[in-house]
PDB file of N, CA and C in Angstrom:
ATOM      1  N   MET A   1      16.046  -1.998 -36.879  1.00  0.00           N
ATOM      2  CA  MET A   1      14.406  -2.141 -36.907  1.00  0.00           C
ATOM      3  C   MET A   1      14.396  -0.171 -36.932  1.00  0.00           C
ATOM      4  N   GLU A   2      14.047   0.329 -38.016  1.00  0.00           N
ATOM      5  CA  GLU A   2      13.886   1.834 -37.094  1.00  0.00           C
ATOM      6  C   GLU A   2      11.587   2.199 -37.578  1.00  0.00           C
ATOM      7  N   MET A   3      11.398   2.801 -36.043  1.00  0.00           N
ATOM      8  CA  MET A   3      10.361   3.082 -36.565  1.00  0.00           C
ATOM      9  C   MET A   3       9.587   4.372 -36.562  1.00  0.00           C
ATOM     10  N   VAL A   4       9.530   4.319 -36.868  1.00  0.00           N
ATOM     11  CA  VAL A   4       8.009   5.510 -38.191  1.00  0.00           C
ATOM     12  C   VAL A   4       7.417   6.406 -37.500  1.00  0.00           C
ATOM     13  N   MET A   5       6.736   6.779 -36.625  1.00  0.00           N
ATOM     14  CA  MET A   5       5.846   7.926 -36.386  1.00  0.00           C
ATOM     15  C   MET A   5       4.958   8.347 -37.674  1.00  0.00           C
ATOM     16  N   SER A   6       3.922   7.852 -37.782  1.00  0.00           N
ATOM     17  CA  SER A   6       2.383   7.997 -38.650  1.00  0.00           C
ATOM     18  C   SER A   6       1.816   9.944 -37.754  1.00  0.00           C
ATOM     19  N   ASP A   7       2.161   9.713 -39.252  1.00  0.00           N
ATOM     20  CA  ASP A   7       0.506  11.577 -39.574  1.00  0.00           C
ATOM     21  C   ASP A   7      -0.440  11.369 -38.870  1.00  0.00           C
ATOM     22  N   LYS A   8      -0.927   9.835 -38.941  1.00  0.00           N
ATOM     23  CA  LYS A   8      -2.521   9.864 -38.482  1.00  0.00           C
ATOM     24  C   LYS A   8      -2.597   9.509 -37.865  1.00  0.00           C
ATOM     25  N   SER A   9      -1.205   9.878 -36.908  1.00  0.00           N
ATOM     26  CA  SER A   9      -1.477   9.073 -35.202  1.00  0.00           C
ATOM     27  C   SER A   9      -2.671   9.950 -34.537  1.00  0.00           C
ATOM     28  N   PRO A  10      -3.359   9.436 -33.777  1.00  0.00           N
ATOM     29  CA  PRO A  10      -4.313  10.811 -33.412  1.00  0.00           C
ATOM     30  C   PRO A  10      -3.479  10.852 -31.827  1.00  0.00           C
ATOM     31  N   VAL A  11      -3.490  10.216 -31.638  1.00  0.00           N
ATOM     32  CA  VAL A  11      -2.393  10.418 -30.047  1.00  0.00           C
ATOM     33  C   VAL A  11      -1.814  10.812 -29.750  1.00  0.00           C
ATOM     34  N   LYS A  12      -1.156  11.340 -29.274  1.00  0.00           N
ATOM     35  CA  LYS A  12      -0.264  12.586 -28.881  1.00  0.00           C
ATOM     36  C   LYS A  12       0.689  12.542 -27.629  1.00  0.00           C
ATOM     37  N   PRO A  13       1.883  11.964 -27.381  1.00  0.00           N
ATOM     38  CA  PRO A  13       2.167  11.335 -26.817  1.00  0.00           C
ATOM     39  C   PRO A  13       2.515  12.643 -25.144  1.00  0.00           C
ATOM     40  N   LYS A  14       2.701  12.289 -24.450  1.00  0.00           N
ATOM     41  CA  LYS A  14       2.209  13.421 -23.241  1.00  0.00           C
ATOM     42  C   LYS A  14       3.335  13.847 -22.306  1.00  0.00           C
ATOM     43  N   LEU A  15       3.312  15.210 -21.617  1.00  0.00           N
ATOM     44  CA  LEU A  15       4.869  15.236 -20.901  1.00  0.00           C
ATOM     45  C   LEU A  15       4.446  14.506 -19.713  1.00  0.00           C
ATOM     46  N   VAL A  16       6.002  13.970 -18.934  1.00  0.00           N
ATOM     47  CA  VAL A  16       5.905  13.218 -18.174  1.00  0.00           C
ATOM     48  C   VAL A  16       6.668  13.830 -17.120  1.00  0.00           C
ATOM     49  N   HIS A  17       7.622  14.861 -17.555  1.00  0.00           N
ATOM     50  CA  HIS A  17       7.913  15.408 -16.056  1.00  0.00           C
ATOM     51  C   HIS A  17       7.696  16.440 -16.637  1.00  0.00           C
ATOM     52  N   CYS A  18       7.943  17.173 -15.908  1.00  0.00           N
ATOM     53  CA  CYS A  18       7.082  18.194 -15.140  1.00  0.00           C
ATOM     54  C   CYS A  18       8.590  19.718 -15.368  1.00  0.00           C
ATOM     55  N   LYS A  19       8.747  20.805 -16.436  1.00  0.00           N
ATOM     56  CA  LYS A  19      10.117  21.696 -15.938  1.00  0.00           C
ATOM     57  C   LYS A  19      10.100  22.392 -15.178  1.00  0.00           C
ATOM     58  N   GLN A  20       9.008  23.487 -14.970  1.00  0.00           N
ATOM     59  CA  GLN A  20       8.975  23.872 -13.538  1.00  0.00           C
ATOM     60  C   GLN A  20       8.545  23.219 -12.482  1.00  0.00           C
ATOM     61  N   PRO A  21       9.509  22.658 -11.126  1.00  0.00           N
ATOM     62  CA  PRO A  21       8.874  21.709 -10.269  1.00  0.00           C
ATOM     63  C   PRO A  21       8.665  22.596  -8.930  1.00  0.00           C
ATOM     64  N   GLU A  22       7.155  22.598  -8.608  1.00  0.00           N
ATOM     65  CA  GLU A  22       7.111  23.602  -7.014  1.00  0.00           C
ATOM     66  C   GLU A  22       8.717  23.747  -6.521  1.00  0.00           C
ATOM     67  N   THR A  23       8.161  24.597  -6.057  1.00  0.00           N
ATOM     68  CA  THR A  23       9.667  24.804  -5.002  1.00  0.00           C
ATOM     69  C   THR A  23       9.261  24.774  -3.614  1.00  0.00           C
ATOM     70  N   ARG A  24      10.234  24.227  -3.503  1.00  0.00           N
ATOM     71  CA  ARG A  24      10.856  23.573  -1.647  1.00  0.00           C
ATOM     72  C   ARG A  24      11.180  24.687  -0.739  1.00  0.00           C
ATOM     73  N   PRO A  25      10.222  24.956   0.147  1.00  0.00           N
ATOM     74  CA  PRO A  25      11.594  25.886   0.642  1.00  0.00           C
ATOM     75  C   PRO A  25      12.315  25.224   1.698  1.00  0.00           C
ATOM     76  N   GLU A  26      13.410  25.487   2.224  1.00  0.00           N
ATOM     77  CA  GLU A  26      14.354  25.382   2.929  1.00  0.00           C
ATOM     78  C   GLU A  26      13.866  24.528   3.893  1.00  0.00           C
ATOM     79  N   PRO A  27      14.292  22.968   4.673  1.00  0.00           N
ATOM     80  CA  PRO A  27      13.903  22.898   6.294  1.00  0.00           C
ATOM     81  C   PRO A  27      14.407  22.861   7.424  1.00  0.00           C
ATOM     82  N   GLY A  28      13.334  23.396   7.825  1.00  0.00           N
ATOM     83  CA  GLY A  28      13.477  23.642   9.490  1.00  0.00           C
ATOM     84  C   GLY A  28      12.727  25.685   9.710  1.00  0.00           C
ATOM     85  N   THR A  29      12.040  25.677   7.548  1.00  0.00           N
ATOM     86  CA  THR A  29      12.080  26.842   7.748  1.00  0.00           C
ATOM     87  C   THR A  29       9.938  27.186   8.504  1.00  0.00           C
ATOM     88  N   PRO A  30       9.766  28.863   8.906  1.00  0.00           N
ATOM     89  CA  PRO A  30       8.262  27.760   9.565  1.00  0.00           C
ATOM     90  C   PRO A  30       7.413  27.930   6.948  1.00  0.00           C
ATOM     91  N   GLU A  31       7.996  28.602   7.013  1.00  0.00           N
ATOM     92  CA  GLU A  31       7.609  28.562   5.068  1.00  0.00           C
ATOM     93  C   GLU A  31       7.827  26.667   4.843  1.00  0.00           C
ATOM     94  N   PHE A  32       8.585  26.018   5.465  1.00  0.00           N
ATOM     95  CA  PHE A  32       9.029  24.861   5.370  1.00  0.00           C
ATOM     96  C   PHE A  32       7.240  24.247   6.188  1.00  0.00           C
ATOM     97  N   ASP A  33       7.399  24.351   6.886  1.00  0.00           N
ATOM     98  CA  ASP A  33       6.051  23.948   7.309  1.00  0.00           C
ATOM     99  C   ASP A  33       5.213  24.432   7.301  1.00  0.00           C
ATOM    100  N   ALA A  34       4.505  25.562   6.667  1.00  0.00           N
ATOM    101  CA  ALA A  34       2.885  25.609   6.253  1.00  0.00           C
ATOM    102  C   ALA A  34       3.134  24.380   4.592  1.00  0.00           C
ATOM    103  N   TRP A  35       4.343  24.883   4.292  1.00  0.00           N
ATOM    104  CA  TRP A  35       4.516  24.245   2.741  1.00  0.00           C
ATOM    105  C   TRP A  35       4.566  22.312   3.021  1.00  0.00           C
ATOM    106  N   LEU A  36       4.963  21.804   4.544  1.00  0.00           N
ATOM    107  CA  LEU A  36       4.719  20.596   4.712  1.00  0.00           C
ATOM    108  C   LEU A  36       3.025  20.524   4.855  1.00  0.00           C
ATOM    109  N   LEU A  37       2.699  21.190   5.821  1.00  0.00           N
ATOM    110  CA  LEU A  37       1.084  20.622   6.287  1.00  0.00           C
ATOM    111  C   LEU A  37       0.670  20.920   5.065  1.00  0.00           C
ATOM    112  N   LYS A  38       0.593  22.311   4.153  1.00  0.00           N
ATOM    113  CA  LYS A  38      -0.984  22.203   3.032  1.00  0.00           C
ATOM    114  C   LYS A  38      -0.545  20.949   1.811  1.00  0.00           C
ATOM    115  N   ARG A  39       0.618  20.361   1.900  1.00  0.00           N
ATOM    116  CA  ARG A  39       0.837  18.691   0.734  1.00  0.00           C
ATOM    117  C   ARG A  39       0.101  17.859   2.201  1.00  0.00           C
ATOM    118  N   ALA A  40       0.335  17.493   3.421  1.00  0.00           N
ATOM    119  CA  ALA A  40      -0.217  16.826   4.222  1.00  0.00           C
ATOM    120  C   ALA A  40      -1.657  16.858   4.020  1.00  0.00           C
ATOM    121  N   LYS A  41      -1.868  17.820   3.927  1.00  0.00           N
ATOM    122  CA  LYS A  41      -4.210  17.585   3.990  1.00  0.00           C
ATOM    123  C   LYS A  41      -4.184  17.030   3.402  1.00  0.00           C
ATOM    124  N   GLU A  42      -3.946  17.736   1.343  1.00  0.00           N
ATOM    125  CA  GLU A  42      -4.086  17.136   0.112  1.00  0.00           C
ATOM    126  C   GLU A  42      -3.986  16.359  -0.106  1.00  0.00           C
ATOM    127  N   ASP A  43      -3.132  15.438   0.439  1.00  0.00           N
ATOM    128  CA  ASP A  43      -3.168  13.962   1.160  1.00  0.00           C
ATOM    129  C   ASP A  43      -3.711  12.930   1.570  1.00  0.00           C
ATOM    130  N   ALA A  44      -3.964  13.777   3.063  1.00  0.00           N
ATOM    131  CA  ALA A  44      -5.273  13.212   3.288  1.00  0.00           C
ATOM    132  C   ALA A  44      -6.307  13.418   3.458  1.00  0.00           C
ATOM    133  N   ALA A  45      -6.611  15.057   2.727  1.00  0.00           N
ATOM    134  CA  ALA A  45      -7.827  14.544   1.719  1.00  0.00           C
ATOM    135  C   ALA A  45      -9.014  13.261   0.762  1.00  0.00           C
ATOM    136  N   LYS A  46      -7.387  13.189   0.275  1.00  0.00           N
ATOM    137  CA  LYS A  46      -7.383  12.068  -0.772  1.00  0.00           C
ATOM    138  C   LYS A  46      -7.218  11.211  -0.559  1.00  0.00           C
ATOM    139  N   TYR A  47      -6.734  10.389   0.616  1.00  0.00           N
ATOM    140  CA  TYR A  47      -7.032   9.155   0.995  1.00  0.00           C
ATOM    141  C   TYR A  47      -7.968   9.176   1.911  1.00  0.00           C
ATOM    142  N   LEU A  48      -8.639   9.956   2.747  1.00  0.00           N
ATOM    143  CA  LEU A  48      -9.423   9.567   2.987  1.00  0.00           C
ATOM    144  C   LEU A  48     -10.686   9.509   3.021  1.00  0.00           C
ATOM    145  N   THR A  49     -10.690   9.307   1.655  1.00  0.00           N
ATOM    146  CA  THR A  49     -12.475   9.967   1.672  1.00  0.00           C
ATOM    147  C   THR A  49     -13.071   8.030   1.204  1.00  0.00           C
ATOM    148  N   ASP A  50     -14.187   8.485   0.239  1.00  0.00           N
ATOM    149  CA  ASP A  50     -15.213   7.079   0.885  1.00  0.00           C
ATOM    150  C   ASP A  50     -14.424   6.177  -0.322  1.00  0.00           C
ATOM    151  N   GLU A  51     -14.272   7.085  -1.166  1.00  0.00           N
ATOM    152  CA  GLU A  51     -12.662   5.954  -2.536  1.00  0.00           C
ATOM    153  C   GLU A  51     -12.833   5.107  -2.762  1.00  0.00           C
ATOM    154  N   TYR A  52     -11.477   5.605  -1.063  1.00  0.00           N
ATOM    155  CA  TYR A  52     -11.219   4.364  -0.918  1.00  0.00           C
ATOM    156  C   TYR A  52     -10.563   3.521   0.500  1.00  0.00           C
ATOM    157  N   ASP A  53     -10.982   2.209  -0.155  1.00  0.00           N
ATOM    158  CA  ASP A  53     -11.304   1.067   0.902  1.00  0.00           C
ATOM    159  C   ASP A  53     -11.009   1.025   1.931  1.00  0.00           C
ATOM    160  N   LEU A  54     -10.800   1.095   3.834  1.00  0.00           N
ATOM    161  CA  LEU A  54      -9.458   1.422   4.409  1.00  0.00           C
ATOM    162  C   LEU A  54      -9.823   0.135   4.718  1.00  0.00           C
ATOM    163  N   GLY A  55     -10.522  -0.968   4.762  1.00  0.00           N
ATOM    164  CA  GLY A  55     -10.824  -2.181   5.580  1.00  0.00           C
ATOM    165  C   GLY A  55     -10.667  -2.434   6.583  1.00  0.00           C
ATOM    166  N   ASP A  56     -10.327  -3.492   7.476  1.00  0.00           N
ATOM    167  CA  ASP A  56     -10.543  -3.478   9.006  1.00  0.00           C
ATOM    168  C   ASP A  56      -9.440  -3.340   8.934  1.00  0.00           C
ATOM    169  N   ASP A  57      -9.125  -3.585   9.833  1.00  0.00           N
ATOM    170  CA  ASP A  57      -7.704  -3.433  11.047  1.00  0.00           C
ATOM    171  C   ASP A  57      -6.509  -3.941  10.311  1.00  0.00           C
ATOM    172  N   GLU A  58      -6.362  -4.895   9.373  1.00  0.00           N
ATOM    173  CA  GLU A  58      -5.589  -5.914   9.219  1.00  0.00           C
ATOM    174  C   GLU A  58      -4.566  -5.558   7.459  1.00  0.00           C
ATOM    175  N   ARG A  59      -6.187  -4.713   6.911  1.00  0.00           N
ATOM    176  CA  ARG A  59      -5.041  -4.390   5.709  1.00  0.00           C
ATOM    177  C   ARG A  59      -5.710  -2.636   5.834  1.00  0.00           C
ATOM    178  N   GLY A  60      -5.032  -2.596   4.646  1.00  0.00           N
ATOM    179  CA  GLY A  60      -5.451  -1.302   4.148  1.00  0.00           C
ATOM    180  C   GLY A  60      -5.098  -0.097   4.186  1.00  0.00           C
ATOM    181  N   ILE A  61      -4.234   1.145   4.195  1.00  0.00           N
ATOM    182  CA  ILE A  61      -3.780   2.042   4.440  1.00  0.00           C
ATOM    183  C   ILE A  61      -3.524   2.617   5.676  1.00  0.00           C
ATOM    184  N   LEU A  62      -4.949   2.234   6.761  1.00  0.00           N
ATOM    185  CA  LEU A  62      -4.458   2.071   7.899  1.00  0.00           C
ATOM    186  C   LEU A  62      -4.764   0.499   8.774  1.00  0.00           C
ATOM    187  N   ALA A  63      -3.511   0.445   9.684  1.00  0.00           N
ATOM    188  CA  ALA A  63      -3.617  -0.698   9.821  1.00  0.00           C
ATOM    189  C   ALA A  63      -3.133  -1.103  10.852  1.00  0.00           C
ATOM    190  N   GLY A  64      -3.954  -1.723  12.427  1.00  0.00           N
ATOM    191  CA  GLY A  64      -3.485  -2.054  13.859  1.00  0.00           C
ATOM    192  C   GLY A  64      -4.915  -1.021  14.223  1.00  0.00           C
ATOM    193  N   GLY A  65      -4.166  -1.436  15.248  1.00  0.00           N
ATOM    194  CA  GLY A  65      -5.537  -0.992  16.229  1.00  0.00           C
ATOM    195  C   GLY A  65      -4.827  -0.038  17.634  1.00  0.00           C
ATOM    196  N   TYR A  66      -5.336   0.410  18.004  1.00  0.00           N
ATOM    197  CA  TYR A  66      -4.391   1.814  18.865  1.00  0.00           C
ATOM    198  C   TYR A  66      -3.294   0.592  20.160  1.00  0.00           C
ATOM    199  N   ASP A  67      -4.817  -0.703  20.062  1.00  0.00           N
ATOM    200  CA  ASP A  67      -4.063  -1.118  21.634  1.00  0.00           C
ATOM    201  C   ASP A  67      -2.232  -1.997  20.834  1.00  0.00           C
ATOM    202  N   ARG A  68      -2.391  -2.274  19.582  1.00  0.00           N
ATOM    203  CA  ARG A  68      -1.334  -2.975  19.666  1.00  0.00           C
ATOM    204  C   ARG A  68      -0.227  -1.719  20.244  1.00  0.00           C
ATOM    205  N   LEU A  69       0.096  -0.519  20.189  1.00  0.00           N
ATOM    206  CA  LEU A  69       1.100  -0.260  20.715  1.00  0.00           C
ATOM    207  C   LEU A  69       0.940   0.126  21.653  1.00  0.00           C
ATOM    208  N   LEU A  70      -0.059  -0.567  22.850  1.00  0.00           N
ATOM    209  CA  LEU A  70       0.201  -0.535  24.107  1.00  0.00           C
ATOM    210  C   LEU A  70       0.991  -2.032  24.585  1.00  0.00           C
ATOM    211  N   MET A  71       1.092  -3.219  23.146  1.00  0.00           N
ATOM    212  CA  MET A  71       1.726  -4.557  23.392  1.00  0.00           C
ATOM    213  C   MET A  71       2.941  -4.510  24.053  1.00  0.00           C
ATOM    214  N   SER A  72       3.572  -6.205  25.162  1.00  0.00           N
ATOM    215  CA  SER A  72       5.147  -5.792  25.008  1.00  0.00           C
ATOM    216  C   SER A  72       5.254  -6.531  23.835  1.00  0.00           C
ATOM    217  N   ASP A  73       6.876  -6.641  23.848  1.00  0.00           N
ATOM    218  CA  ASP A  73       7.257  -7.189  22.643  1.00  0.00           C
ATOM    219  C   ASP A  73       6.954  -8.412  22.132  1.00  0.00           C
ATOM    220  N   GLU A  74       6.774  -9.633  23.568  1.00  0.00           N
ATOM    221  CA  GLU A  74       6.382 -11.580  22.932  1.00  0.00           C
ATOM    222  C   GLU A  74       4.721 -10.970  23.006  1.00  0.00           C
ATOM    223  N   GLU A  75       4.193 -10.365  23.289  1.00  0.00           N
ATOM    224  CA  GLU A  75       2.991 -10.048  22.882  1.00  0.00           C
ATOM    225  C   GLU A  75       2.725  -9.597  21.005  1.00  0.00           C
ATOM    226  N   LEU A  76       3.606  -8.810  20.805  1.00  0.00           N
ATOM    227  CA  LEU A  76       3.666  -8.545  19.528  1.00  0.00           C
ATOM    228  C   LEU A  76       4.027  -9.783  19.022  1.00  0.00           C
ATOM    229  N   ALA A  77       4.651 -10.294  18.642  1.00  0.00           N
ATOM    230  CA  ALA A  77       5.641 -11.673  18.471  1.00  0.00           C
ATOM    231  C   ALA A  77       4.716 -12.815  18.446  1.00  0.00           C
ATOM    232  N   GLU A  78       3.864 -13.236  19.229  1.00  0.00           N
ATOM    233  CA  GLU A  78       2.847 -13.945  19.695  1.00  0.00           C
ATOM    234  C   GLU A  78       1.699 -14.030  18.371  1.00  0.00           C
ATOM    235  N   GLU A  79       1.386 -12.595  18.823  1.00  0.00           N
ATOM    236  CA  GLU A  79       0.438 -12.275  17.424  1.00  0.00           C
ATOM    237  C   GLU A  79       1.109 -11.704  16.102  1.00  0.00           C
ATOM    238  N   GLU A  80       2.204 -11.545  16.082  1.00  0.00           N
ATOM    239  CA  GLU A  80       2.338 -11.552  14.897  1.00  0.00           C
ATOM    240  C   GLU A  80       2.829 -13.881  14.098  1.00  0.00           C
ATOM    241  N   GLU A  81       2.853 -14.602  14.671  1.00  0.00           N
ATOM    242  CA  GLU A  81       3.432 -15.690  14.638  1.00  0.00           C
ATOM    243  C   GLU A  81       1.919 -16.029  14.347  1.00  0.00           C
ATOM    244  N   ALA A  82       0.724 -15.648  14.679  1.00  0.00           N
ATOM    245  CA  ALA A  82      -0.667 -16.062  15.245  1.00  0.00           C
ATOM    246  C   ALA A  82      -1.406 -16.452  13.258  1.00  0.00           C
ATOM    247  N   MET A  83      -0.523 -14.536  13.266  1.00  0.00           N
ATOM    248  CA  MET A  83      -1.498 -14.297  11.361  1.00  0.00           C
ATOM    249  C   MET A  83      -0.754 -14.342  10.464  1.00  0.00           C
ATOM    250  N   GLU A  84       0.517 -15.258  10.361  1.00  0.00           N
ATOM    251  CA  GLU A  84       1.594 -16.024   9.619  1.00  0.00           C
ATOM    252  C   GLU A  84       0.916 -17.683   9.380  1.00  0.00           C
ATOM    253  N   GLN A  85       0.727 -17.896  10.763  1.00  0.00           N
ATOM    254  CA  GLN A  85       0.246 -19.442  10.213  1.00  0.00           C
ATOM    255  C   GLN A  85      -1.567 -18.895   9.728  1.00  0.00           C
ATOM    256  N   ALA A  86      -2.450 -18.404   9.848  1.00  0.00           N
ATOM    257  CA  ALA A  86      -3.848 -17.586   9.731  1.00  0.00           C
ATOM    258  C   ALA A  86      -3.363 -17.015   8.057  1.00  0.00           C
ATOM    259  N   GLN A  87      -2.561 -16.633   7.971  1.00  0.00           N
ATOM    260  CA  GLN A  87      -1.654 -17.093   6.465  1.00  0.00           C
ATOM    261  C   GLN A  87      -2.234 -17.376   5.547  1.00  0.00           C
ATOM    262  N   LYS A  88      -0.340 -18.479   5.998  1.00  0.00           N
ATOM    263  CA  LYS A  88      -0.477 -20.196   5.481  1.00  0.00           C
ATOM    264  C   LYS A  88      -1.319 -20.660   4.797  1.00  0.00           C
ATOM    265  N   GLN A  89      -2.860 -20.857   5.760  1.00  0.00           N
ATOM    266  CA  GLN A  89      -3.599 -21.648   6.133  1.00  0.00           C
ATOM    267  C   GLN A  89      -4.477 -21.389   4.795  1.00  0.00           C
ATOM    268  N   GLU A  90      -5.058 -19.848   5.001  1.00  0.00           N
ATOM    269  CA  GLU A  90      -5.949 -18.928   3.699  1.00  0.00           C
ATOM    270  C   GLU A  90      -4.777 -19.303   1.895  1.00  0.00           C
ATOM    271  N   ARG A  91      -3.133 -19.128   2.547  1.00  0.00           N
ATOM    272  CA  ARG A  91      -3.836 -19.412   0.371  1.00  0.00           C
ATOM    273  C   ARG A  91      -3.848 -21.207   0.452  1.00  0.00           C
ATOM    274  N   ARG A  92      -3.194 -21.902   1.495  1.00  0.00           N
ATOM    275  CA  ARG A  92      -3.974 -23.047   1.309  1.00  0.00           C
ATOM    276  C   ARG A  92      -5.105 -23.915   0.514  1.00  0.00           C
ATOM    277  N   LYS A  93      -5.835 -22.805   1.015  1.00  0.00           N
ATOM    278  CA  LYS A  93      -7.250 -24.003   1.587  1.00  0.00           C
ATOM    279  C   LYS A  93      -7.636 -23.878   0.099  1.00  0.00           C
ATOM    280  N   HIS A  94      -7.239 -23.821  -0.636  1.00  0.00           N
ATOM    281  CA  HIS A  94      -8.598 -24.560  -1.797  1.00  0.00           C
ATOM    282  C   HIS A  94      -7.050 -25.197  -2.451  1.00  0.00           C
ATOM    283  N   LEU A  95      -6.168 -25.533  -2.430  1.00  0.00           N
ATOM    284  CA  LEU A  95      -5.553 -26.921  -2.542  1.00  0.00           C
ATOM    285  C   LEU A  95      -6.177 -28.248  -1.883  1.00  0.00           C
ATOM    286  N   LYS A  96      -5.859 -28.780  -2.625  1.00  0.00           N
ATOM    287  CA  LYS A  96      -6.372 -30.041  -1.977  1.00  0.00           C
ATOM    288  C   LYS A  96      -4.921 -30.814  -2.050  1.00  0.00           C
ATOM    289  N   SER A  97      -5.461 -32.440  -1.332  1.00  0.00           N
ATOM    290  CA  SER A  97      -4.576 -34.026  -1.463  1.00  0.00           C
ATOM    291  C   SER A  97      -5.120 -34.105  -1.542  1.00  0.00           C
ATOM    292  N   VAL A  98      -3.347 -34.192  -2.552  1.00  0.00           N
ATOM    293  CA  VAL A  98      -3.845 -35.586  -4.157  1.00  0.00           C
ATOM    294  C   VAL A  98      -2.913 -37.462  -2.850  1.00  0.00           C
ATOM    295  N   ASP A  99      -2.784 -37.402  -2.295  1.00  0.00           N
ATOM    296  CA  ASP A  99      -2.192 -38.186  -1.394  1.00  0.00           C
ATOM    297  C   ASP A  99      -3.126 -39.816  -0.871  1.00  0.00           C
ATOM    298  N   LYS A 100      -3.072 -40.348  -1.255  1.00  0.00           N
ATOM    299  CA  LYS A 100      -3.677 -42.127  -0.851  1.00  0.00           C
ATOM    300  C   LYS A 100      -3.894 -41.924   0.254  1.00  0.00           C
ATOM    301  N   PRO A 101      -4.797 -42.608   1.346  1.00  0.00           N
ATOM    302  CA  PRO A 101      -4.699 -42.622   2.892  1.00  0.00           C
ATOM    303  C   PRO A 101      -4.360 -43.495   2.493  1.00  0.00           C
ATOM    304  N   ARG A 102      -3.301 -43.931   4.143  1.00  0.00           N
ATOM    305  CA  ARG A 102      -2.017 -44.874   3.865  1.00  0.00           C
ATOM    306  C   ARG A 102      -3.449 -46.068   4.825  1.00  0.00           C
ATOM    307  N   GLY A 103      -3.350 -47.774   4.147  1.00  0.00           N
ATOM    308  CA  GLY A 103      -3.941 -48.641   4.906  1.00  0.00           C
ATOM    309  C   GLY A 103      -5.396 -48.388   3.576  1.00  0.00           C
ATOM    310  N   SER A 104      -5.168 -47.977   2.694  1.00  0.00           N
ATOM    311  CA  SER A 104      -6.190 -48.319   1.469  1.00  0.00           C
ATOM    312  C   SER A 104      -5.429 -48.778   0.121  1.00  0.00           C
ATOM    313  N   GLU A 105      -3.783 -49.316   0.234  1.00  0.00           N
ATOM    314  CA  GLU A 105      -3.416 -50.370  -0.782  1.00  0.00           C
ATOM    315  C   GLU A 105      -4.034 -51.344  -0.663  1.00  0.00           C
TER     316      GLU A 105
END
């Protein structure tokens, strides 16, 4: 099967890859540190605007609070288990049981 492009096609394909990529300085140099800081500031400016909803502490780009950093491994495990149980209940809340109650036969 052959594909034939029509001359009437109003949309031209766009370049996916730039042939002249941005030059990246050598890691460990002051130029690299400045380049990395510039990119980090650009990304932060893009993501930390009102356009992106960061959501609550459990969802979004920034997740979790400072107090989680101070929790022990046992406390973190308990919290993770509780969160998993809550997520399971949330996923199942739209389901209804189709079993007949016992004793109604």
